[in-house]
N, C-alpha and C. Protein backbone atom coordinates (compact mmCIF):
# COMPACT_ATOMS: atom_id res chain seq x y z
N MET A 1 -13.34 1.04 16.86
CA MET A 1 -11.99 0.18 16.16
C MET A 1 -11.48 1.53 15.49
N ILE A 2 -9.95 1.64 15.40
CA ILE A 2 -9.53 2.69 14.32
C ILE A 2 -9.64 3.00 13.13
N THR A 3 -9.89 1.47 12.69
CA THR A 3 -10.32 1.60 11.02
C THR A 3 -11.55 2.03 10.37
N ASN A 4 -12.34 2.45 11.42
CA ASN A 4 -13.70 2.18 10.86
C ASN A 4 -14.31 3.66 10.11
N VAL A 5 -12.98 4.43 9.70
CA VAL A 5 -13.77 5.26 8.99
C VAL A 5 -13.18 5.00 7.83
N ILE A 6 -11.94 3.77 7.41
CA ILE A 6 -11.48 3.67 5.75
C ILE A 6 -11.75 1.72 6.25
N ALA A 7 -12.12 1.83 6.11
CA ALA A 7 -12.79 -0.60 5.73
C ALA A 7 -13.19 -0.84 4.46
N ILE A 8 -12.13 -1.71 4.35
CA ILE A 8 -11.81 -2.04 3.29
C ILE A 8 -12.72 -3.31 3.43
N PRO A 9 -14.31 -3.68 2.60
CA PRO A 9 -15.13 -4.77 2.87
C PRO A 9 -14.64 -6.61 2.83
N PHE A 10 -13.88 -6.32 1.79
CA PHE A 10 -13.33 -7.78 1.63
C PHE A 10 -12.05 -8.46 2.87
N ILE A 11 -11.56 -7.40 3.27
CA ILE A 11 -10.65 -7.55 4.18
C ILE A 11 -11.03 -8.37 5.72
N PRO A 12 -10.91 -9.59 6.29
CA PRO A 12 -11.31 -9.41 7.32
C PRO A 12 -11.19 -8.35 8.65
N ALA A 13 -11.92 -8.06 9.61
CA ALA A 13 -11.71 -7.54 10.34
C ALA A 13 -10.22 -7.11 11.05
N GLN A 14 -9.97 -8.60 11.50
CA GLN A 14 -9.21 -8.62 12.25
C GLN A 14 -7.95 -8.01 11.60
N TYR A 15 -7.23 -8.53 10.38
CA TYR A 15 -5.77 -7.63 9.74
C TYR A 15 -6.62 -6.22 9.14
N GLN A 16 -7.71 -5.13 9.24
CA GLN A 16 -7.67 -3.78 8.72
C GLN A 16 -6.53 -3.70 9.56
N ILE A 17 -6.12 -3.49 11.11
CA ILE A 17 -5.57 -2.36 10.72
C ILE A 17 -3.69 -2.83 10.42
N ALA A 18 -3.70 -4.48 10.45
CA ALA A 18 -2.32 -4.10 9.82
C ALA A 18 -1.95 -3.81 8.67
N LEU A 19 -3.18 -4.12 7.50
CA LEU A 19 -3.51 -3.66 6.62
C LEU A 19 -3.14 -1.86 6.62
N MET A 20 -3.95 -1.75 6.95
CA MET A 20 -3.76 -0.04 6.85
C MET A 20 -2.35 0.93 7.17
N ALA A 21 -2.06 -0.22 8.57
CA ALA A 21 -0.88 0.75 8.95
C ALA A 21 0.28 0.27 7.43
N PHE A 22 0.10 -0.85 6.89
CA PHE A 22 1.24 -0.96 5.74
C PHE A 22 0.71 -0.15 4.78
N VAL A 23 -0.45 0.20 4.22
CA VAL A 23 -0.52 1.33 3.18
C VAL A 23 -0.56 2.44 3.93
N MET A 24 -0.47 3.39 4.95
CA MET A 24 0.34 3.90 5.02
C MET A 24 1.99 4.54 4.77
N CYS A 25 2.82 3.04 5.37
CA CYS A 25 4.02 3.56 5.74
C CYS A 25 3.92 3.08 4.54
N LEU A 26 3.52 2.97 3.08
CA LEU A 26 3.67 2.79 1.62
C LEU A 26 3.74 4.05 0.96
N LEU A 27 2.57 4.68 1.27
CA LEU A 27 2.74 5.95 1.15
C LEU A 27 3.25 6.99 1.97
N THR A 28 3.69 7.09 3.04
CA THR A 28 5.34 7.97 3.29
C THR A 28 5.80 7.61 2.79
N THR A 29 6.58 6.48 2.39
CA THR A 29 7.46 6.24 1.57
C THR A 29 7.60 7.06 0.62
N PHE A 30 6.65 6.23 -0.58
CA PHE A 30 6.68 7.01 -1.54
C PHE A 30 6.54 8.57 -1.77
N LEU A 31 6.08 9.04 -0.70
CA LEU A 31 5.87 10.84 -0.59
C LEU A 31 7.20 11.32 -0.38
N ILE A 32 7.84 10.89 0.41
CA ILE A 32 9.29 11.05 1.08
C ILE A 32 10.43 11.09 -0.27
N ALA A 33 10.08 10.03 -0.99
CA ALA A 33 11.02 9.37 -2.53
C ALA A 33 10.74 10.17 -3.22
N ALA A 34 9.17 10.89 -3.97
CA ALA A 34 8.59 11.46 -5.24
C ALA A 34 9.28 13.25 -4.68
N ILE A 35 9.10 13.52 -3.30
CA ILE A 35 10.03 15.15 -2.72
C ILE A 35 11.21 15.17 -2.93
N SER A 36 12.20 13.49 -2.67
CA SER A 36 13.48 14.00 -3.00
C SER A 36 14.05 13.99 -4.11
N SER A 37 13.54 12.87 -4.67
CA SER A 37 13.54 13.32 -6.28
C SER A 37 13.01 14.36 -7.03
N VAL A 38 11.72 14.76 -6.95
CA VAL A 38 11.73 16.34 -7.90
C VAL A 38 12.34 17.42 -7.08
N LYS A 39 12.50 17.50 -6.58
CA LYS A 39 13.67 19.14 -5.56
C LYS A 39 14.50 18.81 -5.56
N ARG A 40 15.67 17.00 -5.70
CA ARG A 40 16.37 16.60 -6.03
C ARG A 40 17.29 17.36 -4.52
N ILE A 41 17.15 17.04 -3.41
CA ILE A 41 17.34 17.38 -2.41
C ILE A 41 18.90 16.08 -2.24
N SER A 42 19.71 16.58 -0.99
CA SER A 42 20.23 16.17 -0.05
C SER A 42 19.71 14.78 1.15
N ILE A 43 20.97 13.73 1.21
CA ILE A 43 20.53 12.86 1.74
C ILE A 43 20.07 13.38 3.52
N GLU A 44 20.41 14.56 3.47
CA GLU A 44 20.47 15.12 4.77
C GLU A 44 18.91 15.61 4.77
N GLY A 45 18.57 16.40 3.63
CA GLY A 45 17.63 16.75 3.48
C GLY A 45 16.25 15.85 3.85
N VAL A 46 16.75 14.56 2.90
CA VAL A 46 15.97 13.49 3.05
C VAL A 46 15.23 12.91 4.31
N MET A 47 16.17 13.01 5.23
CA MET A 47 16.49 12.67 6.26
C MET A 47 15.40 13.43 7.26
N LEU A 48 15.71 15.07 7.15
CA LEU A 48 14.92 15.50 7.97
C LEU A 48 13.09 15.49 7.82
N PHE A 49 13.15 15.35 6.16
CA PHE A 49 11.51 15.37 5.92
C PHE A 49 11.34 14.62 6.45
N GLY A 50 11.61 12.97 6.12
CA GLY A 50 11.37 11.77 7.12
C GLY A 50 10.49 12.35 8.49
N ILE A 51 12.07 12.78 8.94
CA ILE A 51 11.66 13.26 10.75
C ILE A 51 10.38 14.42 10.57
N ALA A 52 9.87 15.01 10.15
CA ALA A 52 9.08 16.05 10.01
C ALA A 52 7.67 15.86 9.33
N VAL A 53 7.60 14.44 8.59
CA VAL A 53 6.81 13.11 8.72
C VAL A 53 6.40 12.45 10.05
N MET A 54 7.54 12.42 10.15
CA MET A 54 6.76 11.35 11.73
C MET A 54 6.07 12.14 12.81
N PHE A 55 7.27 13.65 12.92
CA PHE A 55 6.49 14.43 13.95
C PHE A 55 4.39 15.05 13.42
N THR A 56 4.48 14.95 12.09
CA THR A 56 3.39 15.40 11.74
C THR A 56 2.58 13.96 11.63
N TYR A 57 3.02 13.18 11.65
CA TYR A 57 2.05 11.68 12.03
C TYR A 57 1.67 11.77 13.55
N ASP A 58 2.36 12.39 14.62
CA ASP A 58 2.40 12.30 15.67
C ASP A 58 2.09 13.16 16.15
N SER A 59 1.54 14.23 15.63
CA SER A 59 0.98 15.24 16.22
C SER A 59 -0.87 15.38 15.58
N LEU A 60 -0.99 14.47 14.69
CA LEU A 60 -2.59 13.93 14.42
C LEU A 60 -2.68 12.94 15.47
N LEU A 61 -1.72 11.97 15.49
CA LEU A 61 -2.40 10.60 16.67
C LEU A 61 -2.37 11.30 17.75
N THR A 62 -1.89 12.29 18.25
CA THR A 62 -1.57 12.88 19.70
C THR A 62 -3.38 13.76 19.39
N MET A 63 -3.42 14.52 18.43
CA MET A 63 -5.33 15.18 18.52
C MET A 63 -6.13 13.70 18.68
N MET A 64 -5.84 12.32 17.73
CA MET A 64 -6.46 11.90 18.16
C MET A 64 -7.48 11.16 20.13
N GLN A 65 -6.23 11.50 20.28
CA GLN A 65 -6.51 11.15 21.67
C GLN A 65 -7.02 12.17 22.35
N TYR A 66 -6.64 13.54 22.03
CA TYR A 66 -7.19 14.50 22.56
C TYR A 66 -8.85 14.32 22.47
N VAL A 67 -9.02 14.30 21.42
CA VAL A 67 -11.26 13.95 20.58
C VAL A 67 -11.40 13.23 21.68
N ALA A 68 -10.59 11.82 21.89
CA ALA A 68 -11.03 10.75 21.52
C ALA A 68 -12.29 10.34 22.67
N SER A 69 -13.03 9.49 22.90
CA SER A 69 -13.73 8.97 23.73
C SER A 69 -12.85 8.11 24.82
N GLU A 70 -13.57 8.08 26.31
CA GLU A 70 -12.64 7.11 26.81
C GLU A 70 -12.71 5.29 25.87
N THR A 71 -12.86 4.71 25.40
CA THR A 71 -12.81 3.39 25.38
C THR A 71 -12.07 3.96 23.78
N GLN A 72 -11.91 4.88 22.74
CA GLN A 72 -11.04 4.89 21.72
C GLN A 72 -9.93 4.97 22.21
N LEU A 73 -9.86 5.79 23.75
CA LEU A 73 -8.74 6.31 23.97
C LEU A 73 -7.47 5.10 24.49
N GLN A 74 -8.14 3.95 25.39
CA GLN A 74 -7.72 3.10 25.22
C GLN A 74 -7.45 2.22 23.91
N THR A 75 -8.16 2.17 23.61
CA THR A 75 -7.45 1.73 22.09
C THR A 75 -6.37 2.12 21.37
N LEU A 76 -6.50 3.18 21.62
CA LEU A 76 -5.08 4.57 20.50
C LEU A 76 -4.07 3.98 21.91
N VAL A 77 -4.57 3.82 23.14
CA VAL A 77 -3.09 3.86 24.04
C VAL A 77 -2.61 2.23 23.95
N PHE A 78 -4.07 1.92 23.60
CA PHE A 78 -3.37 -0.35 23.54
C PHE A 78 -2.44 -0.41 21.98
N TRP A 79 -2.82 -0.03 21.32
CA TRP A 79 -2.24 0.47 19.93
C TRP A 79 -1.21 0.28 19.89
N GLN A 80 -0.65 2.27 20.51
CA GLN A 80 0.58 2.19 20.42
C GLN A 80 1.65 1.62 21.27
N MET A 81 1.29 1.31 22.76
CA MET A 81 2.32 0.54 23.46
C MET A 81 2.83 -0.99 23.00
N GLY A 82 1.00 -1.59 22.65
CA GLY A 82 1.40 -2.79 22.11
C GLY A 82 0.72 -3.55 23.19
N SER A 83 1.21 -5.08 23.25
CA SER A 83 0.38 -5.78 23.99
C SER A 83 0.75 -7.40 23.68
N LEU A 84 0.78 -8.85 23.99
CA LEU A 84 1.14 -9.81 24.07
C LEU A 84 -0.66 -9.98 24.96
N ASP A 85 -1.29 -9.61 25.18
CA ASP A 85 -2.08 -10.27 26.11
C ASP A 85 -3.54 -10.87 24.73
N ARG A 86 -3.67 -10.10 23.77
CA ARG A 86 -4.18 -10.49 22.18
C ARG A 86 -3.26 -11.35 20.96
N GLY A 87 -2.06 -11.41 21.66
CA GLY A 87 -1.07 -12.26 20.70
C GLY A 87 -1.95 -13.84 21.24
N SER A 88 -1.52 -14.65 19.79
CA SER A 88 -1.93 -16.31 19.64
C SER A 88 -0.84 -16.82 18.72
N TRP A 89 -0.11 -18.15 18.72
CA TRP A 89 0.15 -18.97 18.33
C TRP A 89 -0.25 -18.67 16.48
N GLY A 90 -1.87 -18.96 16.86
CA GLY A 90 -2.05 -18.69 14.81
C GLY A 90 -2.08 -17.59 14.40
N LYS A 91 -2.32 -16.02 14.85
CA LYS A 91 -1.82 -15.05 14.51
C LYS A 91 -0.53 -14.53 14.56
N ASP A 92 0.51 -14.99 14.91
CA ASP A 92 1.81 -14.95 15.23
C ASP A 92 2.57 -15.84 14.08
N TYR A 93 1.82 -17.13 13.24
CA TYR A 93 2.67 -17.61 12.78
C TYR A 93 3.49 -17.69 11.70
N CYS A 94 3.35 -16.16 11.15
CA CYS A 94 3.85 -15.69 9.94
C CYS A 94 4.98 -15.17 10.11
N THR A 95 5.19 -15.03 11.36
CA THR A 95 6.89 -14.30 11.65
C THR A 95 7.15 -15.36 12.41
N CYS A 96 6.89 -16.65 12.94
CA CYS A 96 7.45 -17.33 13.33
C CYS A 96 7.32 -18.25 12.36
N ASP A 97 6.79 -18.46 11.47
CA ASP A 97 7.83 -19.41 9.93
C ASP A 97 8.71 -18.86 9.57
N ARG A 98 9.15 -17.46 9.08
CA ARG A 98 9.92 -16.70 8.59
C ARG A 98 11.27 -16.77 9.64
N ILE A 99 11.39 -16.67 10.81
CA ILE A 99 12.58 -16.64 11.87
C ILE A 99 12.97 -17.84 12.14
N THR A 100 11.72 -19.14 11.86
CA THR A 100 12.12 -20.98 11.89
C THR A 100 13.08 -20.82 10.88
N ASP A 101 13.11 -20.34 9.47
CA ASP A 101 13.20 -20.57 8.28
C ASP A 101 14.72 -20.10 8.99
N CYS A 102 14.61 -18.98 8.69
CA CYS A 102 16.27 -18.17 8.72
C CYS A 102 17.20 -19.08 9.81
N ILE A 103 16.27 -19.37 11.05
CA ILE A 103 17.59 -20.17 11.93
C ILE A 103 18.21 -21.78 11.25
N ILE A 104 16.62 -22.62 10.66
CA ILE A 104 17.18 -23.37 10.40
C ILE A 104 17.41 -24.00 9.04
N ASP A 105 17.22 -22.71 7.56
CA ASP A 105 18.26 -22.77 6.43
C ASP A 105 19.31 -22.14 6.97
N HIS A 106 19.68 -21.62 7.93
CA HIS A 106 20.93 -20.46 8.15
C HIS A 106 20.78 -19.50 6.74
N ASP A 107 19.97 -18.64 6.54
CA ASP A 107 19.58 -17.69 5.45
C ASP A 107 20.71 -16.90 5.36
N GLU A 108 21.57 -16.80 4.63
CA GLU A 108 22.24 -14.85 4.56
C GLU A 108 21.72 -13.71 4.79
N ARG A 109 20.74 -13.91 3.93
CA ARG A 109 20.00 -12.05 4.33
C ARG A 109 20.17 -12.17 6.07
N CYS A 110 18.79 -12.85 6.76
CA CYS A 110 18.09 -13.03 7.45
C CYS A 110 18.92 -12.92 8.83
N LEU A 111 20.74 -13.80 8.57
CA LEU A 111 21.98 -13.88 9.26
C LEU A 111 22.78 -12.66 9.58
N ALA A 112 22.06 -12.24 8.38
CA ALA A 112 23.10 -10.48 8.11
C ALA A 112 22.36 -9.42 8.92
N ILE A 113 20.95 -9.70 9.01
CA ILE A 113 20.03 -8.79 10.01
C ILE A 113 20.72 -9.36 11.57
N ILE A 114 20.87 -10.57 12.01
CA ILE A 114 21.06 -10.70 12.65
C ILE A 114 22.43 -10.99 13.70
N ASP A 115 22.94 -10.61 12.56
CA ASP A 115 24.76 -10.55 12.95
C ASP A 115 25.00 -9.26 13.49
N THR A 116 25.47 -8.91 14.50
CA THR A 116 25.84 -7.58 15.30
C THR A 116 27.16 -7.70 15.09
N LYS A 117 27.80 -7.89 14.21
CA LYS A 117 29.39 -7.86 14.32
C LYS A 117 29.07 -6.62 12.45
N ASN A 118 28.49 -6.88 11.78
CA ASN A 118 27.78 -5.95 10.57
C ASN A 118 27.24 -4.72 11.05
N TRP A 119 26.42 -4.30 12.59
CA TRP A 119 26.44 -3.33 12.86
C TRP A 119 26.86 -1.86 13.19
N SER A 120 28.66 -2.05 12.68
CA SER A 120 29.02 -0.98 13.13
C SER A 120 29.39 -0.79 11.97
């Protein structure tokens, strides 16, 4: 498993990857926000720094693939591409519940995301 290096004992194993992905996204966001506020860089600089961070993470992932065993490599490729094989309605309940709430309640915040007329 990918999260063998950093495991949180009180979090169930099936939620470890999602939790660590969320934590790393938050850390990356805070890093970009901190650099942009300390250095007072422009919006273009923030975008370029975000792209540089993305390529850094991508290169680390490629390095992990290079040194991984066959089983670890299969897990990494599955994790990158995703699949519906391991999905179930029980695991996807939160997502389905939120989408259903948006459709039934006609929540304006959700509909603004879905509404393609506002994308331009």
